[in-house]
Amino acid sequence: MEENIISFKATLNGLILVMREEDDFDVIYESVARKLETSGRFFKGASLDVKYRGKKLDSVQQNKIASLIAQKASAEVKSFEEDETFNGAEMEAEEPDRSSEKPRMRLMYFKGLEEGMTRFYKGTVRSGTLVSYQGNLVVIGDVNPGGEVIAAGNVIVMGSLRGMVHAGADGNKEAVVAALSLQPTQLRIADVITRPPDTKQIRQGLLPEMAFVKDDLVFIETFLPQFK
């Protein structure tokens, strides 16, 4: 299937582009373009060291894909080169017996509250501002109405969340959204969307809450004991 033609793997220093050896370059190029249409926003403004695996590329092909990533993701591609440390034969040998593999941190998928790559954003996310990350996202501040936060993993706001939020943006329905005051204009986890009720209820003080998906519905509950 088309989604198996290429894949992105985030690293601490940038991005790894995984391609299949048997595919033509034109097919790979178009697949990368389509992939960036949906996930390129996670790399917006970043400086990336990009490595590629699988397909052998000449210098012209390397430059074409590097330019495509820079254009579609609005990112700076500092380097684009083959990942010479990758041993495809070793991976194929390990693939049949997954039970023998050691536990590894998965960078592109987050399950519930398990650990993963995390970005900390300090300050207020103001109207018209988008903060996104291909991992967990912690905002140390408020998200104002008109502001937007998107993460492949969990979203934690150490303040009031009154803008738009999308956790589990890569399709992970086990991601959560938590805030000291959870009053978003739109809350989305994976492909499950919820909006606040039409009636405006004045909330006094902070009420820490967490949103999660169960049976394809978004549930919200307090996550700290309430003291009188």
Protein backbone atom coordinates (compact mmCIF):
# COMPACT_ATOMS: atom_id res chain seq x y z
CA MET A 1 0.00 0.00 0.00
CA GLU A 2 1.08 3.59 -0.59
CA GLU A 3 1.58 4.40 3.10
CA ASN A 4 4.31 1.74 3.22
CA ILE A 5 6.39 3.34 0.47
CA ILE A 6 8.09 5.81 2.80
CA SER A 7 8.10 6.52 6.53
CA PHE A 8 9.52 9.20 8.81
CA LYS A 9 11.38 8.42 12.02
CA ALA A 10 12.15 11.29 14.40
CA THR A 11 15.55 11.39 16.12
CA LEU A 12 17.10 13.66 18.71
CA ASN A 13 19.00 15.46 15.95
CA GLY A 14 16.54 15.42 13.09
CA LEU A 15 14.78 12.98 10.82
CA ILE A 16 15.32 9.60 9.18
CA LEU A 17 13.58 8.96 5.86
CA VAL A 18 12.98 5.25 5.21
CA MET A 19 12.33 4.20 1.61
CA ARG A 20 11.89 0.90 -0.21
CA GLU A 21 14.67 -0.07 -2.59
CA GLU A 22 12.31 -1.43 -5.25
CA ASP A 23 10.32 1.79 -5.80
CA ASP A 24 11.10 4.29 -8.56
CA PHE A 25 12.38 7.69 -7.48
CA ASP A 26 9.37 9.52 -8.93
CA VAL A 27 7.03 7.37 -6.85
CA ILE A 28 9.10 8.01 -3.73
CA TYR A 29 9.21 11.74 -4.41
CA GLU A 30 5.42 11.97 -4.72
CA SER A 31 4.95 9.86 -1.59
CA VAL A 32 7.26 12.12 0.41
CA ALA A 33 5.30 15.14 -0.82
CA ARG A 34 1.99 13.61 0.30
CA LYS A 35 3.47 12.57 3.66
CA LEU A 36 4.67 16.12 4.28
CA GLU A 37 1.21 17.48 3.52
CA THR A 38 -0.10 15.75 6.64
CA SER A 39 2.90 15.62 8.99
CA GLY A 40 5.16 18.43 7.79
CA ARG A 41 3.71 20.91 10.30
CA PHE A 42 5.50 19.06 13.10
CA PHE A 43 8.86 20.18 11.70
CA LYS A 44 7.90 23.80 11.02
CA GLY A 45 10.77 26.14 11.89
CA ALA A 46 13.09 23.29 12.87
CA SER A 47 16.70 22.76 11.76
CA LEU A 48 16.95 19.17 10.55
CA ASP A 49 19.78 16.77 9.90
CA VAL A 50 18.11 14.29 7.53
CA LYS A 51 19.38 10.79 6.82
CA TYR A 52 17.82 8.27 4.46
CA ARG A 53 17.70 4.49 4.30
CA GLY A 54 16.77 1.90 1.69
CA LYS A 55 16.76 3.49 -1.76
CA LYS A 56 20.12 4.61 -3.13
CA LEU A 57 19.97 8.23 -4.30
CA ASP A 58 22.33 10.22 -6.46
CA SER A 59 23.25 13.83 -5.64
CA VAL A 60 20.50 15.29 -7.83
CA GLN A 61 17.84 13.11 -6.21
CA GLN A 62 19.14 13.98 -2.74
CA ASN A 63 18.90 17.69 -3.49
CA LYS A 64 15.35 17.32 -4.85
CA ILE A 65 14.05 15.60 -1.71
CA ALA A 66 15.97 17.93 0.61
CA SER A 67 14.41 20.93 -1.17
CA LEU A 68 10.98 19.30 -0.96
CA ILE A 69 11.28 18.81 2.80
CA ALA A 70 12.45 22.40 3.31
CA GLN A 71 9.57 23.74 1.21
CA LYS A 72 6.71 21.56 2.47
CA ALA A 73 7.72 21.54 6.14
CA SER A 74 8.99 25.14 6.29
CA ALA A 75 12.14 23.78 7.90
CA GLU A 76 15.88 24.24 7.44
CA VAL A 77 17.57 21.09 6.12
CA LYS A 78 21.13 21.40 7.44
CA SER A 79 22.25 18.09 5.94
CA PHE A 80 20.83 15.30 3.80
CA GLU A 81 22.83 12.10 3.50
CA GLU A 82 22.61 8.33 3.50
CA ASP A 83 22.49 6.66 6.91
CA GLU A 84 25.67 4.62 6.66
CA THR A 85 25.25 3.21 10.16
CA PHE A 86 22.08 1.38 9.14
CA ASN A 87 22.43 -2.35 8.50
CA GLY A 88 19.37 -3.57 6.61
CA ALA A 89 20.45 -7.20 6.74
CA GLU A 90 20.59 -7.15 10.52
CA MET A 91 17.08 -5.69 10.76
CA GLU A 92 15.64 -8.31 8.42
CA ALA A 93 17.23 -11.03 10.51
CA GLU A 94 15.67 -9.64 13.69
CA GLU A 95 12.21 -9.05 12.19
CA PRO A 96 10.73 -12.58 12.40
CA ASP A 97 11.33 -12.95 16.13
CA ARG A 98 9.98 -9.82 17.76
CA SER A 99 9.74 -11.50 21.17
CA SER A 100 13.53 -11.48 21.49
CA GLU A 101 13.89 -7.76 20.89
CA LYS A 102 14.83 -5.53 23.80
CA PRO A 103 12.34 -2.81 24.76
CA ARG A 104 12.94 0.39 22.80
CA MET A 105 11.54 3.89 23.15
CA ARG A 106 9.25 4.50 20.21
CA LEU A 107 9.68 8.04 18.96
CA MET A 108 6.65 8.28 16.69
CA TYR A 109 4.02 6.66 18.87
CA PHE A 110 3.02 7.23 22.47
CA LYS A 111 0.85 4.98 24.57
CA GLY A 112 -1.10 6.63 27.36
CA LEU A 113 1.29 8.31 29.78
CA GLU A 114 4.38 6.30 28.91
CA GLU A 115 7.65 8.14 28.35
CA GLY A 116 8.60 9.59 24.99
CA MET A 117 10.30 12.58 23.40
CA THR A 118 8.94 15.76 24.98
CA ARG A 119 9.09 19.43 24.08
CA PHE A 120 8.66 22.12 26.74
CA TYR A 121 7.20 25.42 25.56
CA LYS A 122 7.46 28.29 28.06
CA GLY A 123 5.10 31.21 27.63
CA THR A 124 1.58 32.02 26.49
CA VAL A 125 0.33 30.56 23.22
CA ARG A 126 -1.47 33.60 21.89
CA SER A 127 -4.21 33.89 19.28
CA GLY A 128 -2.94 32.98 15.82
CA THR A 129 0.03 30.99 17.18
CA LEU A 130 0.57 27.29 16.50
CA VAL A 131 2.87 25.18 18.71
CA SER A 132 3.40 21.61 17.52
CA TYR A 133 5.73 18.69 18.16
CA GLN A 134 6.16 15.11 16.97
CA GLY A 135 6.10 13.86 20.56
CA ASN A 136 4.70 14.93 23.93
CA LEU A 137 4.14 18.67 24.38
CA VAL A 138 4.20 20.52 27.71
CA VAL A 139 3.11 24.17 27.72
CA ILE A 140 4.32 26.09 30.77
CA GLY A 141 1.77 28.85 30.49
CA ASP A 142 -1.68 29.47 29.04
CA VAL A 143 -3.19 28.69 25.64
CA ASN A 144 -5.39 31.64 24.74
CA PRO A 145 -8.50 31.49 22.52
CA GLY A 146 -7.30 31.39 18.92
CA GLY A 147 -4.06 29.65 19.92
CA GLU A 148 -3.44 26.07 18.82
CA VAL A 149 -1.32 23.20 20.18
CA ILE A 150 -0.76 19.92 18.31
CA ALA A 151 1.25 16.88 19.41
CA ALA A 152 1.71 13.30 18.27
CA GLY A 153 1.77 12.34 21.95
CA ASN A 154 0.21 13.83 25.05
CA VAL A 155 -0.50 17.54 25.65
CA ILE A 156 -0.02 18.98 29.14
CA VAL A 157 -0.80 22.65 29.84
CA MET A 158 0.46 24.12 33.10
CA GLY A 159 -2.14 26.86 32.97
CA SER A 160 -5.46 27.60 31.28
CA LEU A 161 -6.22 25.84 28.00
CA ARG A 162 -8.78 27.96 26.18
CA GLY A 163 -7.66 27.50 22.58
CA MET A 164 -7.61 24.50 20.24
CA VAL A 165 -5.75 21.31 21.18
CA HIS A 166 -5.01 18.11 19.24
CA ALA A 167 -3.24 15.23 21.00
CA GLY A 168 -2.41 11.88 19.42
CA ALA A 169 -2.20 13.61 16.04
CA ASP A 170 -0.59 10.52 14.49
CA GLY A 171 -3.71 8.49 15.29
CA ASN A 172 -2.96 7.44 18.87
CA LYS A 173 -6.27 7.30 20.77
CA GLU A 174 -4.44 6.53 24.02
CA ALA A 175 -2.95 10.04 24.19
CA VAL A 176 -4.34 12.41 26.81
CA VAL A 177 -4.83 16.14 27.30
CA ALA A 178 -4.40 17.63 30.77
CA ALA A 179 -4.54 21.22 32.00
CA LEU A 180 -4.92 23.17 35.23
CA SER A 181 -7.99 24.76 33.64
CA LEU A 182 -9.42 22.82 30.70
CA GLN A 183 -11.76 25.06 28.68
CA PRO A 184 -10.74 24.52 25.01
CA THR A 185 -12.67 25.88 22.04
CA GLN A 186 -12.02 22.49 20.41
CA LEU A 187 -10.40 19.36 21.83
CA ARG A 188 -9.27 16.51 19.60
CA ILE A 189 -7.56 13.21 20.41
CA ALA A 190 -6.57 11.24 17.30
CA ASP A 191 -9.69 11.56 15.10
CA VAL A 192 -12.16 12.04 17.96
CA ILE A 193 -13.33 15.65 18.28
CA THR A 194 -15.31 17.34 21.02
CA ARG A 195 -16.43 20.92 21.60
CA PRO A 196 -17.54 22.73 24.77
CA PRO A 197 -21.28 23.08 25.47
CA ASP A 198 -23.04 26.17 24.15
CA THR A 199 -23.93 27.31 27.66
CA LYS A 200 -21.22 29.44 29.26
CA GLN A 201 -20.43 28.39 32.81
CA ILE A 202 -18.24 30.65 34.90
CA ARG A 203 -15.51 28.62 36.57
CA GLN A 204 -14.01 29.83 39.81
CA GLY A 205 -10.32 29.06 40.33
CA LEU A 206 -8.35 26.18 38.84
CA LEU A 207 -9.83 22.74 38.29
CA PRO A 208 -7.13 20.34 37.01
CA GLU A 209 -8.70 17.97 34.49
CA MET A 210 -7.63 15.32 32.02
CA ALA A 211 -9.31 14.32 28.75
CA PHE A 212 -9.01 10.85 27.26
CA VAL A 213 -10.76 8.64 24.72
CA LYS A 214 -12.86 5.62 25.63
CA ASP A 215 -15.18 3.80 23.22
CA ASP A 216 -14.56 6.56 20.63
CA LEU A 217 -15.86 9.22 23.01
CA VAL A 218 -13.91 11.92 24.86
CA PHE A 219 -14.20 11.77 28.64
CA ILE A 220 -12.99 14.48 31.01
CA GLU A 221 -12.26 13.92 34.68
CA THR A 222 -10.40 15.67 37.48
CA PHE A 223 -7.00 14.24 38.23
CA LEU A 224 -6.27 15.78 41.64
CA PRO A 225 -8.26 15.34 44.88
CA GLN A 226 -10.55 18.23 45.76
CA PHE A 227 -10.18 19.78 49.18
CA LYS A 228 -12.81 21.92 50.90
